[in-house]
Every structure is written in C-alpha cells, then in structure tokens.
Amino acid sequence: MPVLNVLVVEDDPDIGALLDRGLTAAGFHVRWADTVDAALHHLSVQHPDAILLDVMLPDGSGVDLCRSIRQKGFAGPILFLSAKDEVADRVDGLASGGDDYIVKPFVFDELVARLRAQLLRRQGLAATSNKVEAFGLVLDLDTRQARFGEHNVKLTQREVELLRLFMESPNKPIARGDIFDKLWLDQGGASLNVVDVYVGYLRGKLAEIAREGGPSIATVRGRGFMLEHAA
C-alpha cells in the first residue's frame, strides 16, 4: 500500500510537532504548515490525500480555507482540529466542506482512527464511482467531463482515455510508445504521431484549467509526457 500524504495545518508548535511525529510513526508522510499562506503553498506543490486543519490560524480562518480548497476541487478528507466546541462551530466546519470535526484536546489514537476511517470511506466511494482524481482535477468517465473547481471541460472518448492514463500515474512520465500501445496498437494504420496529436488536443482543452492553477501535461525530454501540477 502506498504511503499516504497528510497536510497538517496547525499554528501551535507543540500540537504541530506532536502530529508530525505521531502521524509519521503511524505510517503517513506529513507536511506541516502553520499559516493559511503556507498551506496554500503546500497545496500548490503537492496534492495531499488528507488534510488536518486548525480552525483559528494567524492569517485567516480554517473554515474559509476549507471552503476555498473545496472550490478548487480538492476531494480528499478534511478533518478540523479546534478548541472551539460549540455546536455552531461544528456546523460551520462541516458546512464548509469538512468531513469531521475533532475538539482539542484530543486523544491521538482516536484522531488516527478517525483519519483512517475517512480515508477508507473515500476509497470505498472511489471504488463505486466512475471517476478518476489527481491534483484536484476530477475526470468523470460517464459524462466525459474534466472538472477543476468551477471549470468543466467536455472531452471526446479518446481524450478521456488519454487523460485517464496520465491521471492514474501523476508526475510520472509515460513514453510515447507505451501510450500508443495502450490506446492505438489495435488500430491498423495508426502511427506514433497520433500520440502527439491527441496530447496537443488535450493540452488545448486543459489550458484554462492550467491557467487557474490546475494540472497540465508536460513534455519530459527523452521520456514522454506526464501530468504535472506546477508549483
């Protein structure tokens, strides 16, 4: 099983260090941000599998950050950590897109159990859903649409197959020959150039999404193409 990435957004250095050490020991790869700006930077560089989010941050609200993250297309679990324990606070957190709301002080083992439960729930939904997700980009295989935040792009079936190939191996170059073998080998008369043609089509359709901070298809010299999320 691959190591899952967790972004911890927490300004208290003691709690942040505890989460960093504990989650790492539990088998997660942890990134730690102590401000809204730092969290947004981490999200622009690496797409985490889950986020642990403090409500009160020095440069903004965790609730507002959660709402913004969801609007940009993040589909992973977001668990709030907060000393605010009023019902209204919980409602605000969940209404903004949070999956769980954990009140401080918390029992670390319970936090990990609830985090794992949310991750398993998401995996179960993904298994029954005909969608692929990477870097906040969601590809609906049934409707043949790619969505990032408020941007929706309609694709042809062949473009869907090509984008799915890239999204299932994000940040990993795929050689032209491998792409051709998977998508065009059984079609007589097709040449390797068809890969470049369809990559060009797909880049054009994803251009607006890329301008809004979404992923794009990069050429990796001598190695092929890959889906990347620009820093």
Protein backbone atom coordinates (compact mmCIF):
# COMPACT_ATOMS: atom_id res chain seq x y z
CA MET A 1 0.00 0.00 0.00
CA PRO A 2 1.44 3.43 -0.92
CA VAL A 3 2.34 5.91 1.81
CA LEU A 4 -0.48 8.44 2.15
CA ASN A 5 0.30 12.16 2.32
CA VAL A 6 -1.28 14.26 5.07
CA LEU A 7 -1.10 18.05 5.21
CA VAL A 8 -1.26 19.33 8.82
CA VAL A 9 -2.33 22.99 9.09
CA GLU A 10 -1.70 23.97 12.71
CA ASP A 11 -0.10 27.10 14.18
CA ASP A 12 0.53 25.72 17.68
CA PRO A 13 4.13 24.42 17.51
CA ASP A 14 3.61 21.80 20.24
CA ILE A 15 0.49 20.32 18.62
CA GLY A 16 2.04 20.57 15.17
CA ALA A 17 5.16 18.72 16.30
CA LEU A 18 3.04 16.07 18.02
CA LEU A 19 1.00 15.48 14.87
CA ASP A 20 4.10 15.44 12.70
CA ARG A 21 5.87 12.84 14.84
CA GLY A 22 2.79 10.75 15.58
CA LEU A 23 1.45 10.57 12.05
CA THR A 24 4.90 9.79 10.67
CA ALA A 25 5.20 6.94 13.19
CA ALA A 26 1.73 5.76 12.09
CA GLY A 27 3.00 5.41 8.52
CA PHE A 28 1.92 8.68 6.92
CA HIS A 29 4.05 11.19 5.02
CA VAL A 30 3.45 14.55 6.72
CA ARG A 31 3.70 18.15 5.53
CA TRP A 32 3.19 20.81 8.18
CA ALA A 33 2.01 24.38 7.57
CA ASP A 34 1.37 26.93 10.31
CA THR A 35 -0.47 29.59 8.27
CA VAL A 36 -3.08 29.81 5.52
CA ASP A 37 -0.43 31.06 3.07
CA ALA A 38 1.91 28.17 3.90
CA ALA A 39 -0.96 25.70 3.46
CA LEU A 40 -1.83 27.13 0.05
CA HIS A 41 1.82 26.86 -0.96
CA HIS A 42 1.96 23.19 0.04
CA LEU A 43 -1.27 22.52 -1.86
CA SER A 44 0.19 24.14 -4.99
CA VAL A 45 3.27 21.91 -4.80
CA GLN A 46 1.87 18.58 -3.65
CA HIS A 47 -1.65 17.19 -3.65
CA PRO A 48 -2.23 15.55 -0.23
CA ASP A 49 -4.51 12.59 0.40
CA ALA A 50 -5.99 14.23 3.51
CA ILE A 51 -5.82 17.48 5.47
CA LEU A 52 -5.91 18.10 9.24
CA LEU A 53 -6.98 21.72 9.61
CA ASP A 54 -6.98 24.06 12.61
CA VAL A 55 -9.90 26.48 12.70
CA MET A 56 -8.05 29.52 14.04
CA LEU A 57 -4.89 30.44 12.14
CA PRO A 58 -2.79 33.62 12.46
CA ASP A 59 -3.54 34.88 8.94
CA GLY A 60 -7.08 33.65 8.40
CA SER A 61 -9.85 31.20 9.12
CA GLY A 62 -9.50 27.47 8.65
CA VAL A 63 -13.18 27.34 7.74
CA ASP A 64 -12.65 29.84 4.92
CA LEU A 65 -9.57 27.90 3.80
CA CYS A 66 -11.57 24.67 3.72
CA ARG A 67 -14.25 26.30 1.60
CA SER A 68 -11.61 27.62 -0.80
CA ILE A 69 -9.88 24.24 -1.05
CA ARG A 70 -13.17 22.54 -1.91
CA GLN A 71 -14.00 25.17 -4.53
CA LYS A 72 -10.64 24.44 -6.17
CA GLY A 73 -11.57 20.78 -6.48
CA PHE A 74 -9.86 19.03 -3.56
CA ALA A 75 -11.79 15.79 -2.96
CA GLY A 76 -9.84 14.19 -0.09
CA PRO A 77 -10.86 14.11 3.58
CA ILE A 78 -10.58 17.34 5.58
CA LEU A 79 -10.68 16.95 9.37
CA PHE A 80 -10.96 20.04 11.55
CA LEU A 81 -8.98 20.31 14.80
CA SER A 82 -10.25 23.05 17.08
CA ALA A 83 -10.61 24.20 20.67
CA LYS A 84 -13.98 25.70 19.66
CA ASP A 85 -16.56 23.13 20.68
CA GLU A 86 -19.91 24.87 20.27
CA VAL A 87 -22.48 23.19 18.04
CA ALA A 88 -22.47 26.24 15.75
CA ASP A 89 -18.69 25.89 15.29
CA ARG A 90 -19.05 22.24 14.29
CA VAL A 91 -21.86 23.08 11.90
CA ASP A 92 -19.78 25.83 10.25
CA GLY A 93 -16.84 23.47 9.80
CA LEU A 94 -18.87 20.67 8.29
CA ALA A 95 -20.91 23.04 6.12
CA SER A 96 -17.70 24.47 4.63
CA GLY A 97 -16.71 21.04 3.33
CA GLY A 98 -15.13 19.35 6.34
CA ASP A 99 -15.61 15.61 6.83
CA ASP A 100 -15.05 15.52 10.60
CA TYR A 101 -14.59 17.92 13.50
CA ILE A 102 -12.29 16.92 16.35
CA VAL A 103 -12.19 19.03 19.51
CA LYS A 104 -8.91 19.80 21.30
CA PRO A 105 -7.54 18.34 23.45
CA PHE A 106 -7.89 15.10 21.55
CA VAL A 107 -6.69 11.52 22.05
CA PHE A 108 -4.11 10.89 19.35
CA ASP A 109 -5.09 7.25 18.71
CA GLU A 110 -8.71 8.30 18.19
CA LEU A 111 -7.62 11.01 15.75
CA VAL A 112 -5.64 8.48 13.70
CA ALA A 113 -8.59 6.07 13.75
CA ARG A 114 -10.96 8.77 12.51
CA LEU A 115 -8.48 9.85 9.84
CA ARG A 116 -8.12 6.27 8.60
CA ALA A 117 -11.91 5.84 8.63
CA GLN A 118 -12.34 8.89 6.40
CA LEU A 119 -9.62 7.68 4.03
CA LEU A 120 -11.24 4.23 3.80
CA ARG A 121 -14.62 5.85 3.18
CA ARG A 122 -13.19 7.89 0.33
CA GLN A 123 -11.54 4.82 -1.15
CA GLY A 124 -14.85 2.97 -0.96
CA LEU A 125 -16.63 5.80 -2.74
CA ALA A 126 -13.92 5.86 -5.40
CA ALA A 127 -14.30 2.12 -5.93
CA THR A 128 -18.02 2.53 -6.65
CA SER A 129 -17.61 5.75 -8.61
CA ASN A 130 -16.67 6.01 -12.26
CA LYS A 131 -14.35 8.95 -11.60
CA VAL A 132 -10.59 9.49 -11.51
CA GLU A 133 -8.98 12.29 -9.45
CA ALA A 134 -5.48 13.81 -9.44
CA PHE A 135 -4.19 17.23 -8.29
CA GLY A 136 -7.77 18.44 -7.75
CA LEU A 137 -8.76 17.53 -11.32
CA VAL A 138 -11.74 15.16 -11.46
CA LEU A 139 -12.42 13.11 -14.59
CA ASP A 140 -15.94 11.72 -14.90
CA LEU A 141 -15.74 8.68 -17.16
CA ASP A 142 -19.52 8.54 -17.65
CA THR A 143 -20.13 12.15 -18.70
CA ARG A 144 -16.66 12.53 -20.33
CA GLN A 145 -16.03 15.77 -18.46
CA ALA A 146 -12.94 17.01 -16.65
CA ARG A 147 -13.63 19.35 -13.72
CA PHE A 148 -11.32 21.61 -11.73
CA GLY A 149 -13.07 23.95 -9.31
CA GLU A 150 -15.75 25.71 -11.35
CA HIS A 151 -14.20 24.81 -14.71
CA ASN A 152 -15.73 21.95 -16.71
CA VAL A 153 -14.27 20.64 -19.98
CA LYS A 154 -16.04 18.26 -22.35
CA LEU A 155 -13.78 15.58 -23.86
CA THR A 156 -14.01 13.00 -26.61
CA GLN A 157 -13.80 9.35 -25.64
CA ARG A 158 -10.21 9.07 -26.87
CA GLU A 159 -9.23 12.20 -24.91
CA VAL A 160 -10.85 10.67 -21.82
CA GLU A 161 -8.78 7.50 -22.25
CA LEU A 162 -5.59 9.52 -22.68
CA LEU A 163 -6.25 11.82 -19.71
CA ARG A 164 -7.15 8.83 -17.53
CA LEU A 165 -3.80 7.26 -18.40
CA PHE A 166 -1.97 10.38 -17.22
CA MET A 167 -4.13 10.84 -14.10
CA GLU A 168 -3.54 7.28 -12.92
CA SER A 169 0.23 7.97 -12.87
CA PRO A 170 0.57 11.66 -11.91
CA ASN A 171 4.07 13.16 -12.00
CA LYS A 172 5.36 10.04 -13.77
CA PRO A 173 6.49 10.30 -17.42
CA ILE A 174 4.81 7.90 -19.84
CA ALA A 175 6.69 7.13 -23.05
CA ARG A 176 5.05 7.77 -26.43
CA GLY A 177 5.43 4.11 -27.30
CA ASP A 178 3.67 2.99 -24.12
CA ILE A 179 0.79 5.41 -24.72
CA PHE A 180 0.48 4.19 -28.31
CA ASP A 181 0.50 0.53 -27.25
CA LYS A 182 -2.26 1.10 -24.68
CA LEU A 183 -4.57 3.23 -26.82
CA TRP A 184 -3.82 2.70 -30.53
CA LEU A 185 -1.96 -0.57 -31.02
CA ASP A 186 -5.08 -2.45 -32.12
CA GLN A 187 -5.99 0.18 -34.74
CA GLY A 188 -4.48 -0.55 -38.14
CA GLY A 189 -2.87 2.37 -39.93
CA ALA A 190 -2.23 4.48 -36.82
CA SER A 191 1.31 5.80 -36.33
CA LEU A 192 3.20 7.03 -33.30
CA ASN A 193 2.44 10.63 -34.33
CA VAL A 194 -1.16 10.15 -33.27
CA VAL A 195 0.04 10.38 -29.64
CA ASP A 196 1.46 13.88 -30.20
CA VAL A 197 -1.74 14.96 -31.98
CA TYR A 198 -4.00 13.89 -29.13
CA VAL A 199 -1.70 15.26 -26.46
CA GLY A 200 -1.99 18.58 -28.31
CA TYR A 201 -5.79 18.35 -28.33
CA LEU A 202 -5.85 17.56 -24.62
CA ARG A 203 -3.45 20.38 -23.73
CA GLY A 204 -5.67 22.84 -25.56
CA LYS A 205 -8.75 21.73 -23.65
CA LEU A 206 -6.95 21.85 -20.29
CA ALA A 207 -5.33 25.24 -20.94
CA GLU A 208 -7.88 27.27 -18.97
CA ILE A 209 -7.70 24.82 -16.05
CA ALA A 210 -3.89 25.10 -16.06
CA ARG A 211 -4.13 28.92 -16.00
CA GLU A 212 -6.34 28.66 -12.91
CA GLY A 213 -3.72 26.62 -11.04
CA GLY A 214 -4.75 23.17 -12.17
CA PRO A 215 -2.55 20.44 -13.64
CA SER A 216 -1.20 20.37 -17.17
CA ILE A 217 0.52 17.89 -19.47
CA ALA A 218 4.27 18.40 -19.62
CA THR A 219 6.76 17.09 -22.17
CA VAL A 220 9.67 15.31 -20.47
CA ARG A 221 12.56 15.31 -22.91
CA GLY A 222 13.53 11.81 -23.92
CA ARG A 223 10.91 10.21 -21.64
CA GLY A 224 7.48 11.18 -23.00
CA PHE A 225 4.65 13.08 -21.31
CA MET A 226 3.22 13.38 -17.82
CA LEU A 227 0.52 15.11 -15.82
CA GLU A 228 2.13 17.67 -13.53
CA HIS A 229 0.97 20.23 -11.02
CA ALA A 230 3.08 23.37 -11.41
CA ALA A 231 4.50 24.94 -8.23
